Amino acid sequence: MIFQFEDFELDESQFELRRAGETIAVPLKALELMICLVRDRHRLVTRDELCDGPWRGAVVSDSAISQVVKQARRALGDDADKPRLIRTVRGKGFRFVGIVSEIASTRCISSDQAWMVRSAAFGRAVAAAKAPYRNAHKVCQSVFALIHQIVGMRVCVLTRIDLETNQCTVVQAYDAAGLDIASGMVFPADSTVCARVFRGACPIRERDLEARPALRQLPFRTRFGLHSYIGVPLWGGNGRIWGTLAATDTNVRETTDHHVETLTVLGHLAVREFDCKGPMRA
């Protein structure tokens, strides 16, 4: 996806900021912060969310976050006292206030550029795996934040499926779309796309669920107005399917095989923190 505002283009697929067609050198953390704020421009992004995003769950001081925000503003020619684009909500976090339009990325990139994009995503996953998390919830939230950054979906859920009782339980959730999807919610399994991933033991990737008659009328989809969806099965240590990891959005977004691979790898990172009865540690 390419986000356009003023005369800037923020290209998340190529991980670069351009102005009037010219690439602007931006520090890595500042670029990640920009993408995080622009994606969630319809709401305030808290400092804690930034720690779970660009900083992958690490403990970060307010001064370190402020320094990266300053770098982002400098790249955008923004002013903290009279912000055009990045506004500080003191004591809370930040919000992107510029007028943004979204266009699908159609630029062809070289194999070297594609490798660099994938390497950056891989580096973020490795950092998440090494981070000193306090509990399973922190692991999941960091994994969800990575999916949000890499794939672009604003909602991520880790679910357990019980076909015998027809229950789909949301074990962990990340909802940046304001849909009020939260941990602990239980839905009829046959109303969800996740149950189809579980039953078929294979990923489902759809750019627009609305285009698939078999998925269009599912109550879970219609209730929340979901369009794009990627879901992968999660395998437990006993060789059985443990549950599903899914990313979805109310907007139509690009979905690729690489995104499926990303969810599969990050799903292993998340599910290792759980056993069949729930979190291994509180």
C-alpha atoms as a PDB file:
ATOM      1  CA  MET A   1       0.000   0.000   0.000  1.00  0.00           C
ATOM      2  CA  ILE A   2       1.113   3.569  -0.758  1.00  0.00           C
ATOM      3  CA  PHE A   3      -0.111   6.380   1.498  1.00  0.00           C
ATOM      4  CA  GLN A   4      -0.198   9.812  -0.172  1.00  0.00           C
ATOM      5  CA  PHE A   5      -0.316  13.067   1.804  1.00  0.00           C
ATOM      6  CA  GLU A   6       0.766  16.561   0.766  1.00  0.00           C
ATOM      7  CA  ASP A   7       3.517  15.855  -1.785  1.00  0.00           C
ATOM      8  CA  PHE A   8       4.744  12.758   0.064  1.00  0.00           C
ATOM      9  CA  GLU A   9       4.365   9.069  -0.712  1.00  0.00           C
ATOM     10  CA  LEU A  10       4.863   6.577   2.123  1.00  0.00           C
ATOM     11  CA  ASP A  11       5.336   3.201   0.457  1.00  0.00           C
ATOM     12  CA  GLU A  12       5.077   0.378   2.964  1.00  0.00           C
ATOM     13  CA  SER A  13       5.724  -2.365   0.392  1.00  0.00           C
ATOM     14  CA  GLN A  14       9.094  -0.835  -0.507  1.00  0.00           C
ATOM     15  CA  PHE A  15       9.586   0.611   2.977  1.00  0.00           C
ATOM     16  CA  GLU A  16      10.470   4.109   1.841  1.00  0.00           C
ATOM     17  CA  LEU A  17       9.334   7.726   1.975  1.00  0.00           C
ATOM     18  CA  ARG A  18       9.295   9.752  -1.248  1.00  0.00           C
ATOM     19  CA  ARG A  19       8.725  13.439  -1.939  1.00  0.00           C
ATOM     20  CA  ALA A  20       7.971  14.553  -5.479  1.00  0.00           C
ATOM     21  CA  GLY A  21       9.228  11.144  -6.621  1.00  0.00           C
ATOM     22  CA  GLU A  22      12.577  11.400  -4.813  1.00  0.00           C
ATOM     23  CA  THR A  23      13.397   8.966  -2.009  1.00  0.00           C
ATOM     24  CA  ILE A  24      14.080  10.613   1.365  1.00  0.00           C
ATOM     25  CA  ALA A  25      16.606   9.044   3.743  1.00  0.00           C
ATOM     26  CA  VAL A  26      14.783   8.273   6.992  1.00  0.00           C
ATOM     27  CA  PRO A  27      16.100   6.327  10.025  1.00  0.00           C
ATOM     28  CA  LEU A  28      14.540   2.853  10.275  1.00  0.00           C
ATOM     29  CA  LYS A  29      12.642   3.434  13.532  1.00  0.00           C
ATOM     30  CA  ALA A  30      11.316   6.780  12.312  1.00  0.00           C
ATOM     31  CA  LEU A  31      10.030   5.166   9.114  1.00  0.00           C
ATOM     32  CA  GLU A  32       8.345   2.361  11.070  1.00  0.00           C
ATOM     33  CA  LEU A  33       6.778   4.948  13.361  1.00  0.00           C
ATOM     34  CA  MET A  34       5.420   6.891  10.369  1.00  0.00           C
ATOM     35  CA  ILE A  35       3.824   3.755   8.916  1.00  0.00           C
ATOM     36  CA  CYS A  36       2.307   2.890  12.295  1.00  0.00           C
ATOM     37  CA  LEU A  37       0.805   6.374  12.734  1.00  0.00           C
ATOM     38  CA  VAL A  38      -0.441   6.708   9.157  1.00  0.00           C
ATOM     39  CA  ARG A  39      -2.106   3.287   9.188  1.00  0.00           C
ATOM     40  CA  ASP A  40      -3.941   4.150  12.408  1.00  0.00           C
ATOM     41  CA  ARG A  41      -4.518   7.811  11.545  1.00  0.00           C
ATOM     42  CA  HIS A  42      -8.177   7.605  12.557  1.00  0.00           C
ATOM     43  CA  ARG A  43      -7.241   7.299  16.223  1.00  0.00           C
ATOM     44  CA  LEU A  44      -4.637   8.083  18.862  1.00  0.00           C
ATOM     45  CA  VAL A  45      -1.663   5.692  18.949  1.00  0.00           C
ATOM     46  CA  THR A  46      -0.412   5.320  22.523  1.00  0.00           C
ATOM     47  CA  ARG A  47       3.210   5.139  23.591  1.00  0.00           C
ATOM     48  CA  ASP A  48       2.613   1.555  24.767  1.00  0.00           C
ATOM     49  CA  GLU A  49       1.408   0.607  21.275  1.00  0.00           C
ATOM     50  CA  LEU A  50       4.548   2.119  19.780  1.00  0.00           C
ATOM     51  CA  CYS A  51       6.622   0.000  22.156  1.00  0.00           C
ATOM     52  CA  ASP A  52       4.773  -3.086  20.916  1.00  0.00           C
ATOM     53  CA  GLY A  53       5.198  -1.904  17.300  1.00  0.00           C
ATOM     54  CA  PRO A  54       8.489  -0.357  16.145  1.00  0.00           C
ATOM     55  CA  TRP A  55      10.240  -1.398  19.365  1.00  0.00           C
ATOM     56  CA  ARG A  56       8.862  -4.979  19.369  1.00  0.00           C
ATOM     57  CA  GLY A  57       7.811  -5.030  23.016  1.00  0.00           C
ATOM     58  CA  ALA A  58      11.082  -3.714  24.432  1.00  0.00           C
ATOM     59  CA  VAL A  59      11.096  -1.309  27.364  1.00  0.00           C
ATOM     60  CA  VAL A  60      11.708   2.133  25.848  1.00  0.00           C
ATOM     61  CA  SER A  61      12.022   5.494  27.578  1.00  0.00           C
ATOM     62  CA  ASP A  62       9.795   8.429  26.687  1.00  0.00           C
ATOM     63  CA  SER A  63      12.868  10.360  25.591  1.00  0.00           C
ATOM     64  CA  ALA A  64      13.834   7.613  23.110  1.00  0.00           C
ATOM     65  CA  ILE A  65      10.331   7.652  21.589  1.00  0.00           C
ATOM     66  CA  SER A  66      10.368  11.446  21.450  1.00  0.00           C
ATOM     67  CA  GLN A  67      13.706  11.366  19.640  1.00  0.00           C
ATOM     68  CA  VAL A  68      12.327   9.065  16.930  1.00  0.00           C
ATOM     69  CA  VAL A  69       9.209  11.239  16.594  1.00  0.00           C
ATOM     70  CA  LYS A  70      11.530  14.218  16.147  1.00  0.00           C
ATOM     71  CA  GLN A  71      13.370  12.346  13.358  1.00  0.00           C
ATOM     72  CA  ALA A  72      10.057  11.577  11.640  1.00  0.00           C
ATOM     73  CA  ARG A  73       8.958  15.199  11.863  1.00  0.00           C
ATOM     74  CA  ARG A  74      12.283  16.366  10.495  1.00  0.00           C
ATOM     75  CA  ALA A  75      11.922  14.077   7.462  1.00  0.00           C
ATOM     76  CA  LEU A  76       8.412  15.454   6.867  1.00  0.00           C
ATOM     77  CA  GLY A  77       9.308  19.088   7.512  1.00  0.00           C
ATOM     78  CA  ASP A  78       6.790  19.120  10.363  1.00  0.00           C
ATOM     79  CA  ASP A  79       6.788  21.370  13.434  1.00  0.00           C
ATOM     80  CA  ALA A  80       5.946  20.092  16.927  1.00  0.00           C
ATOM     81  CA  ASP A  81       4.573  23.501  17.950  1.00  0.00           C
ATOM     82  CA  LYS A  82       2.383  23.856  14.838  1.00  0.00           C
ATOM     83  CA  PRO A  83       1.947  20.280  13.601  1.00  0.00           C
ATOM     84  CA  ARG A  84       0.637  19.681  10.109  1.00  0.00           C
ATOM     85  CA  LEU A  85       1.070  15.905  10.201  1.00  0.00           C
ATOM     86  CA  ILE A  86       2.152  14.411  13.559  1.00  0.00           C
ATOM     87  CA  ARG A  87       0.358  15.747  16.619  1.00  0.00           C
ATOM     88  CA  THR A  88       1.432  14.995  20.186  1.00  0.00           C
ATOM     89  CA  VAL A  89      -1.289  14.237  22.745  1.00  0.00           C
ATOM     90  CA  ARG A  90       0.655  14.941  25.905  1.00  0.00           C
ATOM     91  CA  GLY A  91       0.878  12.057  28.325  1.00  0.00           C
ATOM     92  CA  LYS A  92      -0.961   9.764  25.901  1.00  0.00           C
ATOM     93  CA  GLY A  93       0.709   9.326  22.535  1.00  0.00           C
ATOM     94  CA  PHE A  94       0.576  10.604  18.969  1.00  0.00           C
ATOM     95  CA  ARG A  95      -1.804  10.941  16.058  1.00  0.00           C
ATOM     96  CA  PHE A  96      -1.298  11.495  12.347  1.00  0.00           C
ATOM     97  CA  VAL A  97      -3.569  14.380  11.335  1.00  0.00           C
ATOM     98  CA  GLY A  98      -2.704  14.860   7.656  1.00  0.00           C
ATOM     99  CA  ILE A  99      -5.188  14.114   4.864  1.00  0.00           C
ATOM    100  CA  VAL A 100      -4.251  10.725   3.428  1.00  0.00           C
ATOM    101  CA  SER A 101      -5.279   8.798   0.339  1.00  0.00           C
ATOM    102  CA  GLU A 102      -4.421   5.155  -0.239  1.00  0.00           C
ATOM    103  CA  ILE A 103      -3.448   3.542  -3.523  1.00  0.00           C
ATOM    104  CA  ALA A 104      -2.352  -0.005  -4.245  1.00  0.00           C
ATOM    105  CA  SER A 105       1.329  -0.332  -5.013  1.00  0.00           C
ATOM    106  CA  THR A 106       1.748  -1.194  -8.699  1.00  0.00           C
ATOM    107  CA  ARG A 107       5.439  -0.445  -9.028  1.00  0.00           C
ATOM    108  CA  CYS A 108       7.590  -3.360 -10.094  1.00  0.00           C
ATOM    109  CA  ILE A 109      10.513  -3.881  -7.754  1.00  0.00           C
ATOM    110  CA  SER A 110      13.749  -5.659  -8.445  1.00  0.00           C
ATOM    111  CA  SER A 111      14.685  -8.958  -6.818  1.00  0.00           C
ATOM    112  CA  ASP A 112      17.248  -7.062  -4.731  1.00  0.00           C
ATOM    113  CA  GLN A 113      14.582  -4.640  -3.472  1.00  0.00           C
ATOM    114  CA  ALA A 114      12.207  -7.500  -2.725  1.00  0.00           C
ATOM    115  CA  TRP A 115      14.952  -9.240  -0.772  1.00  0.00           C
ATOM    116  CA  MET A 116      15.576  -6.074   1.248  1.00  0.00           C
ATOM    117  CA  VAL A 117      11.880  -5.762   2.119  1.00  0.00           C
ATOM    118  CA  ARG A 118      11.687  -9.374   3.201  1.00  0.00           C
ATOM    119  CA  SER A 119      14.928  -9.084   5.144  1.00  0.00           C
ATOM    120  CA  ALA A 120      13.551  -6.104   7.061  1.00  0.00           C
ATOM    121  CA  ALA A 121      10.420  -8.102   7.947  1.00  0.00           C
ATOM    122  CA  PHE A 122      12.529 -11.098   8.938  1.00  0.00           C
ATOM    123  CA  GLY A 123      14.718  -8.881  11.109  1.00  0.00           C
ATOM    124  CA  ARG A 124      11.663  -7.611  12.957  1.00  0.00           C
ATOM    125  CA  ALA A 125      10.464 -11.196  13.554  1.00  0.00           C
ATOM    126  CA  VAL A 126      13.887 -12.228  14.893  1.00  0.00           C
ATOM    127  CA  ALA A 127      13.895  -9.235  17.241  1.00  0.00           C
ATOM    128  CA  ALA A 128      10.454 -10.263  18.518  1.00  0.00           C
ATOM    129  CA  ALA A 129      11.644 -13.813  19.148  1.00  0.00           C
ATOM    130  CA  LYS A 130      14.611 -12.554  21.208  1.00  0.00           C
ATOM    131  CA  ALA A 131      12.718  -9.959  23.244  1.00  0.00           C
ATOM    132  CA  PRO A 132      12.430 -10.639  27.014  1.00  0.00           C
ATOM    133  CA  TYR A 133       8.639 -10.939  27.285  1.00  0.00           C
ATOM    134  CA  ARG A 134       6.914 -11.162  30.639  1.00  0.00           C
ATOM    135  CA  ASN A 135       4.034 -13.374  29.575  1.00  0.00           C
ATOM    136  CA  ALA A 136       2.169 -14.982  26.705  1.00  0.00           C
ATOM    137  CA  HIS A 137      -0.057 -11.929  26.258  1.00  0.00           C
ATOM    138  CA  LYS A 138       2.988  -9.724  25.553  1.00  0.00           C
ATOM    139  CA  VAL A 139       4.284 -12.253  23.018  1.00  0.00           C
ATOM    140  CA  CYS A 140       0.963 -12.259  21.170  1.00  0.00           C
ATOM    141  CA  GLN A 141       0.591  -8.495  21.177  1.00  0.00           C
ATOM    142  CA  SER A 142       4.079  -8.082  19.712  1.00  0.00           C
ATOM    143  CA  VAL A 143       3.332 -10.741  17.069  1.00  0.00           C
ATOM    144  CA  PHE A 144       0.080  -8.963  16.210  1.00  0.00           C
ATOM    145  CA  ALA A 145       1.868  -5.613  15.951  1.00  0.00           C
ATOM    146  CA  LEU A 146       4.384  -7.200  13.557  1.00  0.00           C
ATOM    147  CA  ILE A 147       1.567  -8.605  11.426  1.00  0.00           C
ATOM    148  CA  HIS A 148      -0.045  -5.172  11.414  1.00  0.00           C
ATOM    149  CA  GLN A 149       3.237  -3.622  10.195  1.00  0.00           C
ATOM    150  CA  ILE A 150       4.185  -6.279   7.652  1.00  0.00           C
ATOM    151  CA  VAL A 151       0.807  -7.378   6.279  1.00  0.00           C
ATOM    152  CA  GLY A 152      -1.208  -4.191   6.851  1.00  0.00           C
ATOM    153  CA  MET A 153      -4.294  -5.774   8.420  1.00  0.00           C
ATOM    154  CA  ARG A 154      -5.716  -3.858  11.380  1.00  0.00           C
ATOM    155  CA  VAL A 155      -7.286  -6.798  13.220  1.00  0.00           C
ATOM    156  CA  CYS A 156      -5.470  -9.952  14.357  1.00  0.00           C
ATOM    157  CA  VAL A 157      -6.853 -12.835  16.401  1.00  0.00           C
ATOM    158  CA  LEU A 158      -5.486 -16.036  17.880  1.00  0.00           C
ATOM    159  CA  THR A 159      -8.392 -18.473  18.182  1.00  0.00           C
ATOM    160  CA  ARG A 160      -9.192 -21.910  19.560  1.00  0.00           C
ATOM    161  CA  ILE A 161     -11.776 -23.901  17.611  1.00  0.00           C
ATOM    162  CA  ASP A 162     -13.933 -26.684  19.069  1.00  0.00           C
ATOM    163  CA  LEU A 163     -15.988 -28.219  16.284  1.00  0.00           C
ATOM    164  CA  GLU A 164     -17.832 -30.568  18.650  1.00  0.00           C
ATOM    165  CA  THR A 165     -19.310 -27.689  20.659  1.00  0.00           C
ATOM    166  CA  ASN A 166     -19.291 -25.341  17.639  1.00  0.00           C
ATOM    167  CA  GLN A 167     -17.262 -22.707  19.526  1.00  0.00           C
ATOM    168  CA  CYS A 168     -14.623 -20.292  18.287  1.00  0.00           C
ATOM    169  CA  THR A 169     -12.868 -18.651  21.247  1.00  0.00           C
ATOM    170  CA  VAL A 170     -10.723 -15.541  20.794  1.00  0.00           C
ATOM    171  CA  VAL A 171      -7.665 -16.293  22.944  1.00  0.00           C
ATOM    172  CA  GLN A 172      -5.830 -13.069  22.090  1.00  0.00           C
ATOM    173  CA  ALA A 173      -6.875 -10.096  19.973  1.00  0.00           C
ATOM    174  CA  TYR A 174      -5.438  -6.947  18.396  1.00  0.00           C
ATOM    175  CA  ASP A 175      -8.069  -4.506  17.152  1.00  0.00           C
ATOM    176  CA  ALA A 176      -6.840  -1.281  15.568  1.00  0.00           C
ATOM    177  CA  ALA A 177     -10.024  -0.921  13.512  1.00  0.00           C
ATOM    178  CA  GLY A 178     -12.315  -0.137  16.456  1.00  0.00           C
ATOM    179  CA  LEU A 179     -14.511  -3.227  15.987  1.00  0.00           C
ATOM    180  CA  ASP A 180     -14.511  -4.117  19.716  1.00  0.00           C
ATOM    181  CA  ILE A 181     -13.090  -7.580  19.096  1.00  0.00           C
ATOM    182  CA  ALA A 182     -11.441  -8.661  22.361  1.00  0.00           C
ATOM    183  CA  SER A 183      -9.861 -11.633  24.104  1.00  0.00           C
ATOM    184  CA  GLY A 184     -12.358 -14.005  25.668  1.00  0.00           C
ATOM    185  CA  MET A 185     -15.111 -13.481  23.090  1.00  0.00           C
ATOM    186  CA  VAL A 186     -16.835 -16.666  21.906  1.00  0.00           C
ATOM    187  CA  PHE A 187     -18.621 -17.063  18.562  1.00  0.00           C
ATOM    188  CA  PRO A 188     -20.388 -19.963  16.842  1.00  0.00           C
ATOM    189  CA  ALA A 189     -17.569 -21.644  14.980  1.00  0.00           C
ATOM    190  CA  ASP A 190     -19.632 -22.240  11.855  1.00  0.00           C
ATOM    191  CA  SER A 191     -20.129 -18.459  11.551  1.00  0.00           C
ATOM    192  CA  THR A 192     -16.391 -17.797  11.167  1.00  0.00           C
ATOM    193  CA  VAL A 193     -13.781 -18.115   8.438  1.00  0.00           C
ATOM    194  CA  CYS A 194     -11.323 -19.336  11.103  1.00  0.00           C
ATOM    195  CA  ALA A 195     -13.315 -22.558  11.510  1.00  0.00           C
ATOM    196  CA  ARG A 196     -12.869 -23.250   7.800  1.00  0.00           C
ATOM    197  CA  VAL A 197      -9.113 -22.806   8.175  1.00  0.00           C
ATOM    198  CA  PHE A 198      -9.192 -25.193  11.140  1.00  0.00           C
ATOM    199  CA  ARG A 199     -11.387 -27.787   9.432  1.00  0.00           C
ATOM    200  CA  GLY A 200      -9.400 -27.756   6.200  1.00  0.00           C
ATOM    201  CA  ALA A 201      -6.002 -27.620   7.973  1.00  0.00           C
ATOM    202  CA  CYS A 202      -4.749 -25.174   5.346  1.00  0.00           C
ATOM    203  CA  PRO A 203      -4.479 -21.382   4.959  1.00  0.00           C
ATOM    204  CA  ILE A 204      -7.216 -19.217   3.495  1.00  0.00           C
ATOM    205  CA  ARG A 205      -6.221 -15.974   1.757  1.00  0.00           C
ATOM    206  CA  GLU A 206      -8.823 -13.628   0.346  1.00  0.00           C
ATOM    207  CA  ARG A 207      -8.374 -10.059  -0.895  1.00  0.00           C
ATOM    208  CA  ASP A 208     -12.123  -9.540  -0.581  1.00  0.00           C
ATOM    209  CA  LEU A 209     -14.420 -11.993   1.210  1.00  0.00           C
ATOM    210  CA  GLU A 210     -17.341 -10.243  -0.462  1.00  0.00           C
ATOM    211  CA  ALA A 211     -16.270 -11.802  -3.776  1.00  0.00           C
ATOM    212  CA  ARG A 212     -16.562 -15.375  -2.446  1.00  0.00           C
ATOM    213  CA  PRO A 213     -20.216 -16.531  -2.222  1.00  0.00           C
ATOM    214  CA  ALA A 214     -19.333 -19.232   0.320  1.00  0.00           C
ATOM    215  CA  LEU A 215     -17.752 -16.674   2.648  1.00  0.00           C
ATOM    216  CA  ARG A 216     -19.796 -13.555   1.895  1.00  0.00           C
ATOM    217  CA  GLN A 217     -22.781 -14.544   4.056  1.00  0.00           C
ATOM    218  CA  LEU A 218     -20.899 -15.850   7.097  1.00  0.00           C
ATOM    219  CA  PRO A 219     -22.431 -14.075  10.132  1.00  0.00           C
ATOM    220  CA  PHE A 220     -19.028 -13.141  11.603  1.00  0.00           C
ATOM    221  CA  ARG A 221     -18.035 -11.441   8.340  1.00  0.00           C
ATOM    222  CA  THR A 222     -21.289  -9.535   7.954  1.00  0.00           C
ATOM    223  CA  ARG A 223     -21.427  -8.538  11.640  1.00  0.00           C
ATOM    224  CA  PHE A 224     -18.071  -6.772  11.490  1.00  0.00           C
ATOM    225  CA  GLY A 225     -18.063  -5.810   7.790  1.00  0.00           C
ATOM    226  CA  LEU A 226     -14.847  -7.693   7.066  1.00  0.00           C
ATOM    227  CA  HIS A 227     -13.293  -7.836   3.603  1.00  0.00           C
ATOM    228  CA  SER A 228      -9.633  -8.885   3.427  1.00  0.00           C
ATOM    229  CA  TYR A 229      -8.625 -11.998   5.363  1.00  0.00           C
ATOM    230  CA  ILE A 230      -5.606 -14.244   5.874  1.00  0.00           C
ATOM    231  CA  GLY A 231      -5.836 -17.211   8.240  1.00  0.00           C
ATOM    232  CA  VAL A 232      -3.414 -20.050   8.949  1.00  0.00           C
ATOM    233  CA  PRO A 233      -3.748 -23.203  11.084  1.00  0.00           C
ATOM    234  CA  LEU A 234      -1.557 -23.462  14.186  1.00  0.00           C
ATOM    235  CA  TRP A 235      -0.026 -26.823  14.999  1.00  0.00           C
ATOM    236  CA  GLY A 236       0.615 -27.855  18.591  1.00  0.00           C
ATOM    237  CA  GLY A 237       3.489 -29.941  19.921  1.00  0.00           C
ATOM    238  CA  ASN A 238       1.310 -33.058  19.794  1.00  0.00           C
ATOM    239  CA  GLY A 239       1.018 -32.814  16.011  1.00  0.00           C
ATOM    240  CA  ARG A 240      -2.594 -31.680  16.103  1.00  0.00           C
ATOM    241  CA  ILE A 241      -4.051 -28.367  15.037  1.00  0.00           C
ATOM    242  CA  TRP A 242      -4.091 -26.115  18.080  1.00  0.00           C
ATOM    243  CA  GLY A 243      -6.098 -23.232  16.640  1.00  0.00           C
ATOM    244  CA  THR A 244      -5.762 -20.463  14.066  1.00  0.00           C
ATOM    245  CA  LEU A 245      -3.973 -17.164  13.597  1.00  0.00           C
ATOM    246  CA  ALA A 246      -5.862 -14.705  11.422  1.00  0.00           C
ATOM    247  CA  ALA A 247      -5.444 -11.151  10.150  1.00  0.00           C
ATOM    248  CA  THR A 248      -8.397  -9.280   8.698  1.00  0.00           C
ATOM    249  CA  ASP A 249      -9.620  -5.803   7.836  1.00  0.00           C
ATOM    250  CA  THR A 250     -12.784  -3.920   6.936  1.00  0.00           C
ATOM    251  CA  ASN A 251     -10.875  -2.426   3.994  1.00  0.00           C
ATOM    252  CA  VAL A 252      -9.897  -4.348   0.872  1.00  0.00           C
ATOM    253  CA  ARG A 253      -6.156  -4.927   1.068  1.00  0.00           C
ATOM    254  CA  GLU A 254      -3.592  -6.801  -0.971  1.00  0.00           C
ATOM    255  CA  THR A 255      -2.910 -10.365   0.185  1.00  0.00           C
ATOM    256  CA  THR A 256       0.065 -12.398  -1.003  1.00  0.00           C
ATOM    257  CA  ASP A 257       1.649 -15.797  -0.490  1.00  0.00           C
ATOM    258  CA  HIS A 258       4.419 -13.984   1.383  1.00  0.00           C
ATOM    259  CA  HIS A 259       1.825 -12.693   3.846  1.00  0.00           C
ATOM    260  CA  VAL A 260       0.654 -16.261   4.434  1.00  0.00           C
ATOM    261  CA  GLU A 261       4.264 -17.307   5.095  1.00  0.00           C
ATOM    262  CA  THR A 262       4.637 -14.410   7.521  1.00  0.00           C
ATOM    263  CA  LEU A 263       1.561 -15.456   9.528  1.00  0.00           C
ATOM    264  CA  THR A 264       2.714 -19.075   9.544  1.00  0.00           C
ATOM    265  CA  VAL A 265       6.138 -18.204  10.957  1.00  0.00           C
ATOM    266  CA  LEU A 266       4.796 -15.718  13.499  1.00  0.00           C
ATOM    267  CA  GLY A 267       2.053 -18.170  14.447  1.00  0.00           C
ATOM    268  CA  HIS A 268       4.695 -20.642  15.597  1.00  0.00           C
ATOM    269  CA  LEU A 269       6.186 -17.901  17.761  1.00  0.00           C
ATOM    270  CA  ALA A 270       2.815 -17.187  19.378  1.00  0.00           C
ATOM    271  CA  VAL A 271       1.502 -20.706  19.859  1.00  0.00           C
ATOM    272  CA  ARG A 272       4.627 -21.941  21.626  1.00  0.00           C
ATOM    273  CA  GLU A 273       3.517 -19.810  24.592  1.00  0.00           C
ATOM    274  CA  PHE A 274       0.288 -21.800  24.992  1.00  0.00           C
ATOM    275  CA  ASP A 275      -0.726 -25.367  25.656  1.00  0.00           C
ATOM    276  CA  CYS A 276      -4.092 -26.951  24.979  1.00  0.00           C
ATOM    277  CA  LYS A 277      -5.558 -25.514  28.199  1.00  0.00           C
ATOM    278  CA  GLY A 278      -4.507 -21.893  27.734  1.00  0.00           C
ATOM    279  CA  PRO A 279      -1.545 -19.717  28.663  1.00  0.00           C
ATOM    280  CA  MET A 280       1.420 -21.575  30.044  1.00  0.00           C
ATOM    281  CA  ARG A 281       2.263 -18.661  32.299  1.00  0.00           C
ATOM    282  CA  ALA A 282       0.309 -15.684  33.436  1.00  0.00           C
END
